Amino acid sequence: MKQGLKETNKILSSMKENYLLANQDLPVGFKSEHWDVFDGEFTRFFEKSDIWERMLRNPLTLGLNDNFLEISNQRFTDNKDDLWKQLRRGQISDIIVENRDRKVIEREINHLRGIIAFTDLKFVIKNCITDAGSPVTTKIKIEHEGQSHIVNYNKHDMGDLYHSWLILQQIGEFKNCNPIICEIGGGYGGLASKIKSNVKGAKIVMFDLPEVNAYQTFYLSKVFDGAIIKGYKDLSEEGVNVFENKFDFLILPGWSIDQLPSAYVDSYINVRSMMEMSKDNLEFYFKSIQTSLKMEGTFSCFNRYTKPVGNFENRFNLYPFDDDWKILMSQPSAFQPHIHQLIVKRLKNNSGATFRQELKKMELK
């Protein structure tokens, strides 16, 4: 059922409260140079419900939405960051719309075929993006087992479908229980929504920047009407008890990860955000992952082989894994060959040189 304005305003009020609490506790240096782009008066956005309802086609989700990739990457070129400047000034209006060009639609159909080839048709039909956040979509008709289905094609969502399919193949044993699944750097929440839809009993904990936490809260509240969504205020009030209490999503700033109980998490996910972290932040997150993940728990880590972050050369094969891992999957992305897709399982006994040798090999050929 579509939410009314009163419910939307309640969500925005909660987002603002969590944002203000988190922003006042923001550790010095926690935002990498890559993500030091947000409006200094970000709270102004919480008064405008209409821009949140269209967050997947306006600058709110710049840098988090592959549909904006060509636009968002302009901030790395000379004199071409006007949209980022407008965002920082609080100017929000739609920047993309549906494209009806026949050649573009043909490319989208071919991309969809590729996603289906690497995943599963039924999975794609069931899990394609909804209308939450007003995403730009092309409706594509598919015939399957004598029935017609309409698939919402969205460029960013195709990546979430592909990644969630790979992850779900490795955590399938969780589908009929109540696992704790943590995502670090989850963008606006697209991947988390697919994991939750397929592992309905999951308690999902998300760690990100305070601004991105707001996007996640709004998007997931729209996809899952009635879901129990908690935030930084709940952690502040309940302490570590919040992790044991009832929730569907617990959305927290990244530095809170060190408050997770030991051996608490069943599965970690990081897709394309560790590649944007400083050396200190990488070490901070890995220490928490390797403390809070259960034995036999999994870690899905999909990131660039190498990427400069300020003066730091962020290299996948130098991530600070310890030796206690077993590789379940290790491969280049079928659609982004500069990205490596690694899924590992936590071991009780030291696996020693075997894992270290395999990690060392993960370089872009």
Protein backbone atom coordinates (compact mmCIF):
# COMPACT_ATOMS: atom_id res chain seq x y z
CA MET A 1 0.00 0.00 0.00
CA LYS A 2 1.32 3.43 -0.98
CA GLN A 3 2.37 5.53 2.00
CA GLY A 4 0.68 8.85 2.64
CA LEU A 5 2.34 12.21 3.22
CA LYS A 6 1.97 11.86 7.01
CA GLU A 7 3.91 8.59 7.03
CA THR A 8 6.53 10.01 4.66
CA ASN A 9 7.05 13.04 6.91
CA LYS A 10 7.46 10.69 9.88
CA ILE A 11 10.20 8.83 8.00
CA LEU A 12 11.92 12.10 7.08
CA SER A 13 11.78 13.28 10.70
CA SER A 14 13.44 10.04 11.86
CA MET A 15 16.08 10.38 9.11
CA LYS A 16 16.88 13.92 10.23
CA GLU A 17 17.17 12.93 13.88
CA ASN A 18 19.54 10.06 13.07
CA TYR A 19 21.57 12.23 10.71
CA LEU A 20 22.07 15.01 13.24
CA LEU A 21 23.13 12.57 15.96
CA ALA A 22 25.57 10.80 13.64
CA ASN A 23 26.97 13.96 12.11
CA GLN A 24 27.88 15.38 15.50
CA ASP A 25 29.82 12.18 16.26
CA LEU A 26 31.59 12.03 12.86
CA PRO A 27 35.23 11.05 13.53
CA VAL A 28 37.89 13.30 12.05
CA GLY A 29 39.09 11.92 8.73
CA PHE A 30 36.36 9.27 8.46
CA LYS A 31 35.12 10.59 5.12
CA SER A 32 37.62 9.79 2.40
CA GLU A 33 38.53 12.49 -0.13
CA HIS A 34 36.32 10.63 -2.63
CA TRP A 35 33.19 11.17 -0.49
CA ASP A 36 33.82 14.65 0.91
CA VAL A 37 31.19 16.06 -1.45
CA PHE A 38 27.97 16.50 0.52
CA ASP A 39 26.15 19.74 1.23
CA GLY A 40 27.25 21.40 4.47
CA GLU A 41 23.58 22.15 5.12
CA PHE A 42 22.33 18.67 4.29
CA THR A 43 19.48 19.01 6.81
CA ARG A 44 17.67 21.36 4.41
CA PHE A 45 16.71 18.30 2.33
CA PHE A 46 14.66 16.72 5.11
CA GLU A 47 12.01 19.40 4.66
CA LYS A 48 11.32 18.42 1.03
CA SER A 49 9.50 15.11 0.67
CA ASP A 50 9.14 15.48 -3.10
CA ILE A 51 12.88 15.27 -3.80
CA TRP A 52 13.16 12.05 -1.79
CA GLU A 53 10.30 10.49 -3.70
CA ARG A 54 12.39 11.07 -6.87
CA MET A 55 15.80 10.35 -5.38
CA LEU A 56 16.79 7.86 -8.10
CA ARG A 57 16.53 10.44 -10.87
CA ASN A 58 17.79 13.59 -9.15
CA PRO A 59 21.24 14.56 -7.75
CA LEU A 60 20.54 13.19 -4.24
CA THR A 61 22.02 9.86 -5.31
CA LEU A 62 24.97 11.15 -7.36
CA GLY A 63 27.85 8.73 -6.86
CA LEU A 64 25.50 5.98 -5.64
CA ASN A 65 23.58 5.31 -8.82
CA ASP A 66 25.10 3.82 -11.98
CA ASN A 67 22.43 5.54 -14.06
CA PHE A 68 24.36 8.75 -13.26
CA LEU A 69 27.80 7.29 -13.92
CA GLU A 70 28.76 9.54 -16.82
CA ILE A 71 27.48 12.57 -14.94
CA SER A 72 28.99 11.76 -11.54
CA ASN A 73 32.43 10.98 -12.99
CA GLN A 74 32.62 14.52 -14.36
CA ARG A 75 33.71 15.76 -10.95
CA PHE A 76 37.10 14.15 -11.64
CA THR A 77 37.65 16.29 -14.76
CA ASP A 78 38.49 19.98 -14.94
CA ASN A 79 35.63 22.46 -14.66
CA LYS A 80 32.89 19.86 -15.10
CA ASP A 81 31.45 19.42 -11.63
CA ASP A 82 28.45 21.76 -11.92
CA LEU A 83 25.94 19.15 -10.68
CA TRP A 84 28.01 18.45 -7.58
CA LYS A 85 28.20 22.19 -6.91
CA GLN A 86 24.43 22.45 -7.35
CA LEU A 87 23.92 19.57 -4.92
CA ARG A 88 26.10 21.27 -2.32
CA ARG A 89 24.05 24.44 -2.80
CA GLY A 90 20.83 22.51 -2.25
CA GLN A 91 19.59 22.74 -5.83
CA ILE A 92 17.65 19.56 -6.64
CA SER A 93 15.77 18.73 -9.84
CA ASP A 94 15.56 15.68 -12.10
CA ILE A 95 18.68 15.14 -14.19
CA ILE A 96 17.67 11.98 -16.10
CA VAL A 97 14.47 10.77 -17.71
CA GLU A 98 13.36 7.68 -19.59
CA ASN A 99 15.09 7.31 -22.94
CA ARG A 100 12.93 6.15 -25.84
CA ASP A 101 15.69 6.00 -28.45
CA ARG A 102 15.40 2.66 -30.26
CA LYS A 103 19.17 2.03 -30.28
CA VAL A 104 19.40 2.70 -26.55
CA ILE A 105 16.53 0.32 -25.85
CA GLU A 106 18.21 -2.35 -27.99
CA ARG A 107 21.37 -1.99 -25.87
CA GLU A 108 19.28 -2.28 -22.72
CA ILE A 109 17.60 -5.45 -24.01
CA ASN A 110 21.01 -6.95 -24.80
CA HIS A 111 22.27 -6.01 -21.34
CA LEU A 112 19.21 -7.62 -19.76
CA ARG A 113 19.84 -10.79 -21.79
CA GLY A 114 23.39 -10.84 -20.46
CA ILE A 115 22.20 -10.48 -16.85
CA ILE A 116 19.69 -13.31 -17.36
CA ALA A 117 22.40 -15.51 -18.90
CA PHE A 118 24.61 -15.08 -15.81
CA THR A 119 21.78 -15.40 -13.27
CA ASP A 120 18.29 -16.88 -13.69
CA LEU A 121 15.23 -15.65 -15.59
CA LYS A 122 12.79 -16.35 -12.75
CA PHE A 123 15.07 -14.51 -10.33
CA VAL A 124 15.23 -11.45 -12.58
CA ILE A 125 11.45 -11.37 -13.10
CA LYS A 126 10.83 -11.64 -9.36
CA ASN A 127 13.51 -9.21 -8.20
CA CYS A 128 13.70 -6.33 -10.68
CA ILE A 129 13.46 -2.79 -9.28
CA THR A 130 10.15 -1.38 -8.01
CA ASP A 131 8.87 2.19 -8.38
CA ALA A 132 10.32 3.29 -5.01
CA GLY A 133 12.45 6.40 -5.49
CA SER A 134 11.04 6.90 -9.01
CA PRO A 135 13.85 5.12 -10.90
CA VAL A 136 14.30 5.59 -14.64
CA THR A 137 13.16 2.31 -16.19
CA THR A 138 12.41 0.72 -19.54
CA LYS A 139 9.59 -1.78 -19.41
CA ILE A 140 10.61 -4.90 -21.33
CA LYS A 141 8.17 -7.70 -22.11
CA ILE A 142 9.41 -11.26 -21.52
CA GLU A 143 7.63 -14.50 -22.38
CA HIS A 144 8.29 -17.35 -19.94
CA GLU A 145 6.50 -20.67 -19.56
CA GLY A 146 3.51 -19.47 -21.55
CA GLN A 147 3.10 -16.24 -19.57
CA SER A 148 4.01 -12.63 -20.31
CA HIS A 149 6.02 -10.66 -17.76
CA ILE A 150 7.05 -7.02 -17.69
CA VAL A 151 10.58 -6.42 -16.40
CA ASN A 152 11.63 -2.96 -15.20
CA TYR A 153 15.05 -2.48 -16.79
CA ASN A 154 17.26 -0.05 -14.87
CA LYS A 155 21.02 0.08 -15.46
CA HIS A 156 22.00 0.28 -11.80
CA ASP A 157 19.50 -2.38 -10.82
CA MET A 158 21.02 -4.85 -13.29
CA GLY A 159 24.22 -4.69 -11.24
CA ASP A 160 22.30 -5.26 -8.01
CA LEU A 161 20.53 -8.26 -9.58
CA TYR A 162 23.83 -9.79 -10.70
CA HIS A 163 25.60 -9.20 -7.40
CA SER A 164 22.70 -10.38 -5.24
CA TRP A 165 22.38 -13.56 -7.32
CA LEU A 166 26.06 -14.41 -6.75
CA ILE A 167 25.83 -13.70 -3.03
CA LEU A 168 22.60 -15.62 -2.54
CA GLN A 169 24.12 -18.71 -4.17
CA GLN A 170 26.67 -18.79 -1.35
CA ILE A 171 24.35 -17.96 1.56
CA GLY A 172 21.43 -20.10 0.45
CA GLU A 173 21.47 -22.03 3.72
CA PHE A 174 20.24 -18.86 5.46
CA LYS A 175 16.99 -18.60 3.50
CA ASN A 176 14.90 -20.45 6.07
CA CYS A 177 16.39 -18.93 9.22
CA ASN A 178 17.09 -15.51 10.71
CA PRO A 179 20.67 -14.57 9.84
CA ILE A 180 22.47 -11.35 10.64
CA ILE A 181 23.68 -9.87 7.36
CA CYS A 182 25.83 -6.74 7.37
CA GLU A 183 26.49 -4.55 4.35
CA ILE A 184 29.27 -2.00 4.40
CA GLY A 185 28.75 0.87 1.96
CA GLY A 186 25.39 -0.21 0.56
CA GLY A 187 24.61 2.80 -1.64
CA TYR A 188 20.94 3.73 -1.59
CA GLY A 189 19.93 0.20 -0.51
CA GLY A 190 19.18 -1.59 -3.78
CA LEU A 191 21.31 -4.67 -3.08
CA ALA A 192 20.10 -4.93 0.52
CA SER A 193 16.50 -4.87 -0.69
CA LYS A 194 17.10 -7.91 -2.89
CA ILE A 195 18.87 -9.84 -0.14
CA LYS A 196 15.99 -9.10 2.26
CA SER A 197 13.35 -10.07 -0.33
CA ASN A 198 14.98 -13.48 -0.73
CA VAL A 199 15.99 -14.06 2.91
CA LYS A 200 12.86 -12.70 4.55
CA GLY A 201 13.89 -13.54 8.13
CA ALA A 202 17.20 -11.70 7.82
CA LYS A 203 18.16 -8.86 10.14
CA ILE A 204 20.19 -6.52 7.94
CA VAL A 205 22.67 -4.08 9.44
CA MET A 206 24.02 -1.36 7.14
CA PHE A 207 27.10 0.78 7.72
CA ASP A 208 27.76 3.93 5.70
CA LEU A 209 28.17 7.70 5.85
CA PRO A 210 25.43 9.62 7.71
CA GLU A 211 24.07 11.13 4.48
CA VAL A 212 23.93 7.75 2.76
CA ASN A 213 22.21 6.28 5.82
CA ALA A 214 19.41 8.76 5.13
CA TYR A 215 19.06 7.55 1.53
CA GLN A 216 18.99 3.93 2.69
CA THR A 217 16.35 4.64 5.32
CA PHE A 218 14.03 6.37 2.87
CA TYR A 219 14.44 3.86 0.04
CA LEU A 220 14.06 0.74 2.17
CA SER A 221 11.06 2.17 4.02
CA LYS A 222 9.36 2.63 0.64
CA VAL A 223 10.25 -0.83 -0.67
CA PHE A 224 9.24 -2.55 2.58
CA ASP A 225 6.19 -0.71 3.88
CA GLY A 226 5.81 -1.53 7.57
CA ALA A 227 9.35 -2.85 8.02
CA ILE A 228 11.04 -2.19 11.37
CA ILE A 229 13.88 0.19 10.50
CA LYS A 230 16.14 1.41 13.30
CA GLY A 231 19.04 3.83 13.26
CA TYR A 232 21.78 5.60 15.18
CA LYS A 233 19.34 7.02 17.72
CA ASP A 234 18.30 3.47 18.67
CA LEU A 235 21.94 2.45 19.10
CA SER A 236 22.54 5.55 21.24
CA GLU A 237 19.54 4.80 23.46
CA GLU A 238 19.69 0.99 23.65
CA GLY A 239 23.44 0.41 23.41
CA VAL A 240 24.56 -3.01 22.19
CA ASN A 241 21.15 -4.44 23.13
CA VAL A 242 19.85 -2.97 19.88
CA PHE A 243 21.61 -5.77 17.98
CA GLU A 244 19.56 -8.42 19.78
CA ASN A 245 16.24 -6.57 19.63
CA LYS A 246 13.74 -6.95 16.80
CA PHE A 247 14.38 -5.14 13.50
CA ASP A 248 14.40 -5.69 9.75
CA PHE A 249 17.04 -3.06 9.02
CA LEU A 250 19.45 -1.35 11.40
CA ILE A 251 21.08 1.56 9.55
CA LEU A 252 24.19 3.01 11.17
CA PRO A 253 27.19 5.23 10.46
CA GLY A 254 30.27 3.23 9.55
CA TRP A 255 32.28 3.87 12.71
CA SER A 256 29.59 2.03 14.73
CA ILE A 257 30.75 -1.29 13.31
CA ASP A 258 33.20 -1.76 16.16
CA GLN A 259 30.23 -2.02 18.55
CA LEU A 260 29.03 -5.28 17.00
CA PRO A 261 29.21 -8.25 19.40
CA SER A 262 31.96 -10.79 18.79
CA ALA A 263 30.99 -13.70 16.50
CA TYR A 264 27.59 -12.09 15.84
CA VAL A 265 27.38 -11.74 12.04
CA ASP A 266 26.50 -14.55 9.62
CA SER A 267 27.46 -12.74 6.42
CA TYR A 268 29.21 -9.53 5.36
CA ILE A 269 28.80 -7.78 2.02
CA ASN A 270 30.86 -5.02 0.44
CA VAL A 271 30.33 -4.09 -3.19
CA ARG A 272 32.52 -1.37 -4.73
CA SER A 273 33.11 0.80 -1.68
CA MET A 274 36.21 -0.64 -0.03
CA MET A 275 37.99 0.39 -3.22
CA GLU A 276 37.23 4.02 -2.23
CA MET A 277 38.56 3.77 1.35
CA SER A 278 41.74 5.11 2.88
CA LYS A 279 44.30 2.67 4.30
CA ASP A 280 43.21 3.49 7.86
CA ASN A 281 39.53 2.89 7.09
CA LEU A 282 40.29 -0.44 5.40
CA GLU A 283 42.20 -1.61 8.45
CA PHE A 284 39.41 -0.42 10.75
CA TYR A 285 36.71 -2.31 8.85
CA PHE A 286 38.71 -5.51 8.45
CA LYS A 287 39.50 -5.61 12.15
CA SER A 288 35.76 -5.39 12.92
CA ILE A 289 34.81 -7.95 10.25
CA GLN A 290 37.33 -10.49 11.48
CA THR A 291 36.15 -10.05 15.07
CA SER A 292 32.38 -9.97 14.59
CA LEU A 293 31.93 -12.65 11.89
CA LYS A 294 30.91 -16.11 13.06
CA MET A 295 32.98 -19.17 12.25
CA GLU A 296 31.74 -20.48 8.87
CA GLY A 297 30.31 -17.01 8.16
CA THR A 298 30.86 -15.50 4.71
CA PHE A 299 32.28 -12.25 3.36
CA SER A 300 31.37 -11.14 -0.19
CA CYS A 301 33.93 -8.56 -1.33
CA PHE A 302 33.47 -7.16 -4.87
CA ASN A 303 35.93 -4.34 -5.58
CA ARG A 304 38.40 -2.88 -8.07
CA TYR A 305 41.79 -4.51 -8.43
CA THR A 306 43.37 -1.12 -7.88
CA LYS A 307 42.24 2.48 -7.41
CA PRO A 308 44.06 5.61 -6.16
CA VAL A 309 42.45 7.21 -3.09
CA GLY A 310 44.27 10.47 -2.52
CA ASN A 311 47.94 9.49 -2.13
CA PHE A 312 47.04 5.89 -1.24
CA GLU A 313 47.08 3.13 -3.88
CA ASN A 314 44.12 1.00 -2.84
CA ARG A 315 44.90 -2.56 -4.06
CA PHE A 316 42.57 -5.53 -3.66
CA ASN A 317 45.36 -8.05 -3.18
CA LEU A 318 46.75 -5.98 -0.29
CA TYR A 319 43.50 -5.82 1.69
CA PRO A 320 44.28 -6.67 5.34
CA PHE A 321 42.69 -10.13 5.44
CA ASP A 322 44.14 -12.43 8.09
CA ASP A 323 44.83 -16.09 7.22
CA ASP A 324 41.61 -17.61 8.51
CA TRP A 325 39.64 -17.79 5.27
CA LYS A 326 38.56 -20.29 2.65
CA ILE A 327 37.75 -19.13 -0.88
CA LEU A 328 34.25 -20.02 -2.08
CA MET A 329 34.33 -17.90 -5.25
CA SER A 330 37.03 -15.84 -6.92
CA GLN A 331 36.56 -14.33 -10.38
CA PRO A 332 36.58 -11.12 -12.40
CA SER A 333 33.15 -9.56 -12.90
CA ALA A 334 31.49 -10.67 -16.13
CA PHE A 335 30.37 -7.09 -16.77
CA GLN A 336 33.14 -5.01 -15.14
CA PRO A 337 36.42 -6.91 -15.61
CA HIS A 338 38.31 -4.33 -13.52
CA ILE A 339 36.25 -5.56 -10.52
CA HIS A 340 37.17 -8.78 -8.68
CA GLN A 341 34.42 -10.82 -7.03
CA LEU A 342 35.63 -12.69 -3.97
CA ILE A 343 33.43 -14.66 -1.54
CA VAL A 344 35.22 -16.26 1.39
CA LYS A 345 34.24 -18.31 4.44
CA ARG A 346 35.61 -17.69 7.94
CA LEU A 347 37.67 -20.58 9.31
CA LYS A 348 38.40 -21.62 12.86
CA ASN A 349 41.79 -23.04 11.99
CA ASN A 350 44.51 -21.07 10.29
CA SER A 351 44.52 -21.74 6.54
CA GLY A 352 47.93 -20.13 6.31
CA ALA A 353 49.86 -19.72 3.09
CA THR A 354 47.18 -21.16 0.81
CA PHE A 355 44.80 -18.23 1.20
CA ARG A 356 47.61 -15.65 1.19
CA GLN A 357 49.00 -17.07 -2.05
CA GLU A 358 45.59 -16.95 -3.72
CA LEU A 359 44.98 -13.39 -2.55
CA LYS A 360 48.34 -12.32 -3.95
CA LYS A 361 47.32 -13.58 -7.40
CA MET A 362 44.30 -11.27 -7.55
CA GLU A 363 45.78 -8.66 -9.82
CA LEU A 364 44.33 -7.24 -13.00
CA LYS A 365 45.90 -9.13 -15.89
